[in-house]
Protein backbone atom coordinates (compact mmCIF):
# COMPACT_ATOMS: atom_id res chain seq x y z
CA UNK A 1 58.72 32.46 56.64
CA UNK A 2 55.44 31.44 55.06
CA UNK A 3 53.45 34.01 53.16
CA UNK A 4 49.86 34.35 54.32
CA UNK A 5 46.58 35.21 52.56
CA UNK A 6 43.78 36.57 54.70
CA UNK A 7 40.59 35.21 53.16
CA UNK A 8 37.21 36.90 53.16
CA UNK A 9 35.67 34.12 55.20
CA UNK A 10 37.92 35.07 58.09
CA UNK A 11 40.34 32.21 57.61
CA UNK A 12 44.04 32.48 56.97
CA UNK A 13 45.68 30.24 54.37
CA UNK A 14 49.38 29.40 54.32
CA UNK A 15 50.47 29.59 50.68
CA UNK A 16 53.54 27.47 51.45
CA UNK A 17 51.21 24.56 52.18
CA UNK A 18 50.38 22.45 49.14
CA UNK A 19 46.62 21.89 48.79
CA UNK A 20 46.31 19.74 45.64
CA UNK A 21 48.34 17.12 43.78
CA UNK A 22 49.59 16.74 40.22
CA UNK A 23 46.88 15.33 37.91
CA UNK A 24 44.14 16.60 40.25
CA UNK A 25 41.08 18.31 38.71
CA UNK A 26 40.04 21.71 40.05
CA UNK A 27 37.50 24.29 38.97
CA UNK A 28 37.17 28.05 38.59
CA UNK A 29 34.21 29.52 40.42
CA UNK A 30 32.68 32.93 39.71
CA UNK A 31 33.58 33.46 36.03
CA UNK A 32 33.47 30.68 33.45
CA UNK A 33 33.19 27.77 35.90
CA UNK A 34 35.78 25.95 33.75
CA UNK A 35 37.58 22.87 35.00
CA UNK A 36 41.36 22.47 35.04
CA UNK A 37 43.92 19.80 35.70
CA UNK A 38 47.13 20.44 37.63
CA UNK A 39 50.02 19.22 35.48
CA UNK A 40 52.94 20.61 37.49
CA UNK A 41 53.66 22.26 40.85
CA UNK A 42 56.51 24.72 41.41
CA UNK A 43 57.75 25.69 44.88
CA UNK A 44 60.07 28.56 45.82
CA UNK A 45 60.65 31.06 48.61
CA UNK A 46 57.61 33.04 47.48
CA UNK A 47 55.15 30.19 47.76
CA UNK A 48 53.65 27.60 45.42
CA UNK A 49 52.60 28.00 41.78
CA UNK A 50 50.16 25.47 40.37
CA UNK A 51 50.46 25.01 36.61
CA UNK A 52 47.11 24.26 34.99
CA UNK A 53 45.50 23.16 31.73
CA UNK A 54 41.97 24.28 30.92
CA UNK A 55 40.04 21.11 30.04
CA UNK A 56 37.71 23.03 27.72
CA UNK A 57 40.04 25.39 25.84
CA UNK A 58 43.26 23.36 26.12
CA UNK A 59 45.10 26.49 27.29
CA UNK A 60 47.81 26.79 29.93
CA UNK A 61 47.18 28.73 33.11
CA UNK A 62 48.51 29.21 36.64
CA UNK A 63 47.24 29.78 40.15
CA UNK A 64 49.00 30.44 43.43
CA UNK A 65 45.99 29.73 45.59
CA UNK A 66 43.57 26.79 45.36
CA UNK A 67 41.04 26.53 48.16
CA UNK A 68 38.69 23.74 49.30
CA UNK A 69 35.24 23.80 47.72
CA UNK A 70 33.61 23.18 51.08
CA UNK A 71 34.89 26.61 52.16
CA UNK A 72 33.92 28.39 48.95
CA UNK A 73 33.79 32.16 49.37
CA UNK A 74 34.13 34.42 46.36
CA UNK A 75 35.76 34.05 42.97
CA UNK A 76 38.76 31.74 42.63
CA UNK A 77 40.12 28.26 42.02
CA UNK A 78 38.74 25.47 44.20
CA UNK A 79 39.27 21.73 44.64
CA UNK A 80 36.65 19.24 45.72
CA UNK A 81 37.89 18.27 49.18
CA UNK A 82 35.07 15.75 49.74
CA UNK A 83 35.28 13.87 46.44
CA UNK A 84 38.64 14.76 44.86
CA UNK A 85 38.97 13.98 41.16
CA UNK A 86 42.10 12.93 39.28
CA UNK A 87 42.99 12.23 35.68
CA UNK A 88 45.23 9.42 34.54
CA UNK A 89 48.86 10.50 34.06
CA UNK A 90 48.68 9.49 30.39
CA UNK A 91 45.59 11.67 29.87
CA UNK A 92 47.39 14.63 31.40
CA UNK A 93 50.44 14.01 29.20
CA UNK A 94 48.21 14.08 26.10
CA UNK A 95 46.48 17.24 27.31
CA UNK A 96 49.85 18.87 27.88
CA UNK A 97 50.91 18.08 24.31
CA UNK A 98 47.65 19.51 22.97
CA UNK A 99 48.01 22.64 25.09
CA UNK A 100 51.59 23.14 23.93
CA UNK A 101 50.57 22.71 20.30
CA UNK A 102 47.84 25.30 20.77
CA UNK A 103 50.22 27.69 22.50
CA UNK A 104 52.73 27.32 19.65
CA UNK A 105 49.99 27.85 17.06
CA UNK A 106 48.68 30.93 18.88
CA UNK A 107 52.19 32.37 19.13
CA UNK A 108 52.76 31.82 15.41
CA UNK A 109 49.42 33.42 14.55
CA UNK A 110 50.23 36.37 16.80
CA UNK A 111 53.60 36.83 15.09
CA UNK A 112 51.99 36.67 11.64
CA UNK A 113 49.39 39.23 12.67
CA UNK A 114 52.13 41.47 14.02
CA UNK A 115 53.96 41.27 10.70
CA UNK A 116 50.76 41.97 8.75
CA UNK A 117 50.00 45.03 10.85
CA UNK A 118 53.52 46.33 10.36
CA UNK A 119 53.20 45.94 6.58
CA UNK A 120 49.93 47.86 6.63
CA UNK A 121 51.44 50.51 8.92
CA UNK A 122 54.41 50.94 6.57
CA UNK A 123 52.01 51.81 3.76
CA UNK A 124 50.12 54.14 6.08
CA UNK A 125 53.27 56.02 7.12
CA UNK A 126 54.08 56.89 3.53
CA UNK A 127 50.49 57.78 2.79
CA UNK A 128 50.28 60.16 5.75
CA UNK A 129 53.56 61.83 4.84
CA UNK A 130 52.03 62.67 1.48
CA UNK A 131 48.71 64.07 2.69
CA UNK A 132 49.38 65.85 5.98
CA UNK A 133 49.58 69.61 5.32
CA UNK A 134 52.58 71.52 6.61
CA UNK A 135 50.20 73.83 8.48
CA UNK A 136 48.26 71.02 10.20
CA UNK A 137 47.90 71.48 13.95
CA UNK A 138 45.17 68.89 14.51
CA UNK A 139 43.35 66.04 12.80
CA UNK A 140 39.57 65.53 12.52
CA UNK A 141 38.73 61.87 13.02
CA UNK A 142 35.64 59.70 13.06
CA UNK A 143 35.58 56.90 15.63
CA UNK A 144 33.20 53.97 15.79
CA UNK A 145 32.61 53.11 19.42
CA UNK A 146 31.57 49.75 20.87
CA UNK A 147 29.75 49.71 24.18
CA UNK A 148 31.35 47.40 26.74
CA UNK A 149 29.37 48.57 29.75
CA UNK A 150 27.80 46.23 32.28
CA UNK A 151 24.74 47.79 33.88
CA UNK A 152 24.52 45.03 36.50
CA UNK A 153 27.86 46.05 37.98
CA UNK A 154 27.59 49.79 37.18
CA UNK A 155 30.60 49.45 34.89
CA UNK A 156 30.59 51.91 32.00
CA UNK A 157 33.17 51.68 29.24
CA UNK A 158 33.59 51.62 25.50
CA UNK A 159 36.38 51.20 23.00
CA UNK A 160 37.14 52.41 19.48
CA UNK A 161 36.81 49.64 16.89
CA UNK A 162 37.25 51.69 13.71
CA UNK A 163 38.92 55.02 12.97
CA UNK A 164 38.57 57.17 9.86
CA UNK A 165 40.58 60.32 9.11
CA UNK A 166 38.22 63.05 7.85
CA UNK A 167 40.56 66.00 7.53
CA UNK A 168 43.14 68.29 9.08
CA UNK A 169 42.89 71.63 10.87
CA UNK A 170 45.25 74.59 11.05
CA UNK A 171 44.27 75.30 14.67
CA UNK A 172 43.68 73.35 17.87
CA UNK A 173 40.46 75.01 19.03
CA UNK A 174 37.45 72.70 19.27
CA UNK A 175 34.76 73.82 16.87
CA UNK A 176 31.61 71.82 16.17
CA UNK A 177 30.94 73.63 12.92
CA UNK A 178 34.34 72.51 11.68
CA UNK A 179 33.51 68.94 12.67
CA UNK A 180 30.16 69.14 10.86
CA UNK A 181 31.91 70.40 7.73
CA UNK A 182 33.88 67.15 7.59
CA UNK A 183 31.03 64.82 8.63
CA UNK A 184 29.76 64.36 5.07
CA UNK A 185 33.06 62.89 3.94
CA UNK A 186 32.06 59.54 5.37
CA UNK A 187 28.74 57.69 5.33
CA UNK A 188 28.91 56.70 8.99
CA UNK A 189 29.01 60.33 10.12
CA UNK A 190 26.94 61.93 7.35
CA UNK A 191 24.00 62.44 9.72
CA UNK A 192 26.14 64.86 11.71
CA UNK A 193 26.39 67.42 8.91
CA UNK A 194 23.16 69.09 10.04
CA UNK A 195 23.36 71.12 13.26
CA UNK A 196 21.87 69.38 16.26
CA UNK A 197 22.86 70.67 19.67
CA UNK A 198 22.03 67.32 21.25
CA UNK A 199 25.04 65.88 19.45
CA UNK A 200 27.42 68.57 20.73
CA UNK A 201 29.19 67.21 23.79
CA UNK A 202 31.43 69.46 25.86
CA UNK A 203 32.92 67.20 28.52
CA UNK A 204 36.24 68.92 29.00
CA UNK A 205 36.46 68.15 32.70
CA UNK A 206 38.04 65.51 34.91
CA UNK A 207 36.41 62.19 34.12
CA UNK A 208 34.70 63.61 31.02
CA UNK A 209 35.09 62.42 27.44
CA UNK A 210 36.24 65.73 25.97
CA UNK A 211 34.69 67.52 22.99
CA UNK A 212 32.98 65.25 20.50
CA UNK A 213 30.15 65.36 18.00
CA UNK A 214 27.80 62.39 17.95
CA UNK A 215 24.93 60.60 19.57
CA UNK A 216 26.91 58.79 22.26
CA UNK A 217 30.50 58.18 23.35
CA UNK A 218 29.59 54.58 24.09
CA UNK A 219 28.20 53.39 20.76
CA UNK A 220 28.07 54.36 17.09
CA UNK A 221 30.12 56.93 15.20
CA UNK A 222 31.40 60.18 16.67
CA UNK A 223 33.69 62.94 15.42
CA UNK A 224 36.44 64.46 17.51
CA UNK A 225 39.57 66.53 17.09
CA UNK A 226 43.02 65.32 18.08
CA UNK A 227 45.90 67.73 18.48
CA UNK A 228 49.11 67.01 16.57
CA UNK A 229 51.90 67.65 19.08
CA UNK A 230 54.59 65.95 17.05
CA UNK A 231 54.27 65.04 13.37
CA UNK A 232 56.39 61.89 13.58
CA UNK A 233 54.47 60.63 16.59
CA UNK A 234 51.16 61.43 14.87
CA UNK A 235 52.22 59.50 11.77
CA UNK A 236 53.21 56.51 13.91
CA UNK A 237 49.96 56.60 15.89
CA UNK A 238 47.74 56.65 12.79
CA UNK A 239 49.95 54.62 10.44
CA UNK A 240 47.87 51.44 10.71
CA UNK A 241 44.64 53.36 10.18
CA UNK A 242 46.02 55.10 7.11
CA UNK A 243 47.30 51.79 5.74
CA UNK A 244 43.77 51.10 4.52
CA UNK A 245 42.89 53.67 1.85
CA UNK A 246 39.21 53.42 2.79
CA UNK A 247 40.05 55.01 6.15
CA UNK A 248 41.19 58.24 4.50
CA UNK A 249 38.11 60.35 3.72
CA UNK A 250 39.66 63.74 3.13
CA UNK A 251 37.74 65.64 0.48
CA UNK A 252 38.74 69.16 -0.56
CA UNK A 253 36.88 71.32 -3.07
CA UNK A 254 39.35 70.57 -5.93
CA UNK A 255 39.14 66.86 -5.15
CA UNK A 256 35.35 66.96 -5.27
CA UNK A 257 35.39 68.59 -8.69
CA UNK A 258 37.93 66.09 -9.99
CA UNK A 259 36.06 63.12 -8.52
CA UNK A 260 32.78 64.29 -10.03
CA UNK A 261 34.29 63.79 -13.47
CA UNK A 262 34.77 60.08 -12.78
CA UNK A 263 31.24 59.23 -11.59
CA UNK A 264 29.79 56.39 -13.60
CA UNK A 265 26.09 56.34 -14.34
CA UNK A 266 23.98 53.67 -12.66
CA UNK A 267 21.76 52.32 -15.44
CA UNK A 268 21.51 55.89 -16.73
CA UNK A 269 19.16 56.85 -13.89
CA UNK A 270 19.35 58.14 -10.34
CA UNK A 271 19.25 55.71 -7.45
CA UNK A 272 18.49 56.86 -3.89
CA UNK A 273 19.14 54.47 -1.03
CA UNK A 274 19.12 54.53 2.77
CA UNK A 275 22.86 54.60 3.37
CA UNK A 276 22.72 54.46 7.15
CA UNK A 277 20.15 54.92 9.88
CA UNK A 278 20.39 58.69 9.55
CA UNK A 279 21.64 59.29 6.01
CA UNK A 280 20.68 58.67 2.38
CA UNK A 281 22.82 58.54 -0.74
CA UNK A 282 22.18 59.20 -4.39
CA UNK A 283 24.02 57.47 -7.23
CA UNK A 284 23.95 57.93 -10.95
CA UNK A 285 24.90 60.58 -13.50
CA UNK A 286 25.05 63.36 -10.92
CA UNK A 287 27.60 65.49 -12.77
CA UNK A 288 24.89 67.58 -14.45
CA UNK A 289 23.23 68.44 -11.12
CA UNK A 290 26.25 68.59 -8.81
CA UNK A 291 25.64 72.28 -8.01
CA UNK A 292 22.02 71.61 -7.00
CA UNK A 293 23.11 68.63 -4.90
CA UNK A 294 25.72 70.73 -3.14
CA UNK A 295 23.14 73.47 -2.52
CA UNK A 296 20.91 70.90 -0.80
CA UNK A 297 23.72 70.16 1.64
CA UNK A 298 25.06 67.02 -0.03
CA UNK A 299 28.67 65.92 0.03
CA UNK A 300 30.30 64.06 -2.82
CA UNK A 301 32.17 60.92 -1.79
CA UNK A 302 33.95 58.57 -4.15
CA UNK A 303 34.26 55.87 -1.46
CA UNK A 304 30.58 55.02 -1.06
CA UNK A 305 29.28 51.55 -1.84
CA UNK A 306 26.25 50.38 -3.79
CA UNK A 307 25.19 46.73 -3.92
CA UNK A 308 28.45 45.76 -2.25
CA UNK A 309 30.69 47.58 -4.74
CA UNK A 310 32.61 50.84 -4.43
CA UNK A 311 30.67 53.56 -6.22
CA UNK A 312 30.91 57.35 -6.16
CA UNK A 313 27.85 59.21 -4.98
CA UNK A 314 26.45 61.99 -2.85
CA UNK A 315 25.57 61.62 0.84
CA UNK A 316 22.79 63.54 2.58
CA UNK A 317 21.30 63.85 6.02
CA UNK A 318 18.08 61.79 6.23
CA UNK A 319 15.91 64.89 6.58
CA UNK A 320 16.89 65.95 3.04
CA UNK A 321 15.47 62.85 1.36
CA UNK A 322 12.15 64.42 0.26
CA UNK A 323 13.90 67.48 -1.22
CA UNK A 324 16.38 65.20 -2.95
CA UNK A 325 13.64 63.05 -4.48
CA UNK A 326 11.81 66.11 -5.74
CA UNK A 327 15.00 67.41 -7.31
CA UNK A 328 15.49 64.29 -9.42
CA UNK A 329 11.79 63.44 -9.87
CA UNK A 330 11.96 60.23 -7.85
CA UNK A 331 8.96 60.89 -5.62
């Protein structure tokens, strides 16, 4: 018995009925408007599958429904039923070889990337085993969010493109002050060290985004707390992140004191730069004034960069710039 599709235009199409031929050119309407060629047609008890090659990208594809362009209604694959187009069989054979070569190359690249990620994750697993405290119940993380919303379709979404581990917590309670205390460990979140209730989001309800500290869940950097239910599962989840040492920004008081000893002077003077939109950083021989810098609300960080190179320095919220300049006579 033939399987039927009830189309939006009020017409019923029998999917057991072949609508195009091998080597025929069709097009995708509603998305990219790309053109395809049918290189093979498979038939079984479930209907017909048309095997396609994208003429622009040289990628394989499939479709189980190709409708006449004269009856276009909605997104889908269509064929020109008034002026059908065909490619020469030799052209299609060449396209098929090119598409197969691309598919093989993509598969190889995917396998290589998988191996690379596993190598990085293996390093991260060992690194996490060495730094996670026995008393840790949760981890404080910074997430860079990328907005993928589409206002025209009322679609709102975002995804995390970068994760940084800022510290660990001995409890699971959400606490914005605790998040702020870790914000200065990383330049991207340094602006969150100063209390600002507008950045405190309590969306612990169905459909909400949970507790997080930051300007927006859809773009930029935020800080949130993730509970550690199982240590092994936590290590596996964050292994790839921890594989890059730059993604570990855990700074304890002893570490700050030790790191301060290794700060190298920048031309023997102090240099203050805009480190991000909402933070500034100071570089130089800061060892002698580390107590004053800490009193101003600064956080020492050995992973900062200056002129494209890793350089230890102190990070401050933008509102502290004038006080900082007065402290080091750089007004």
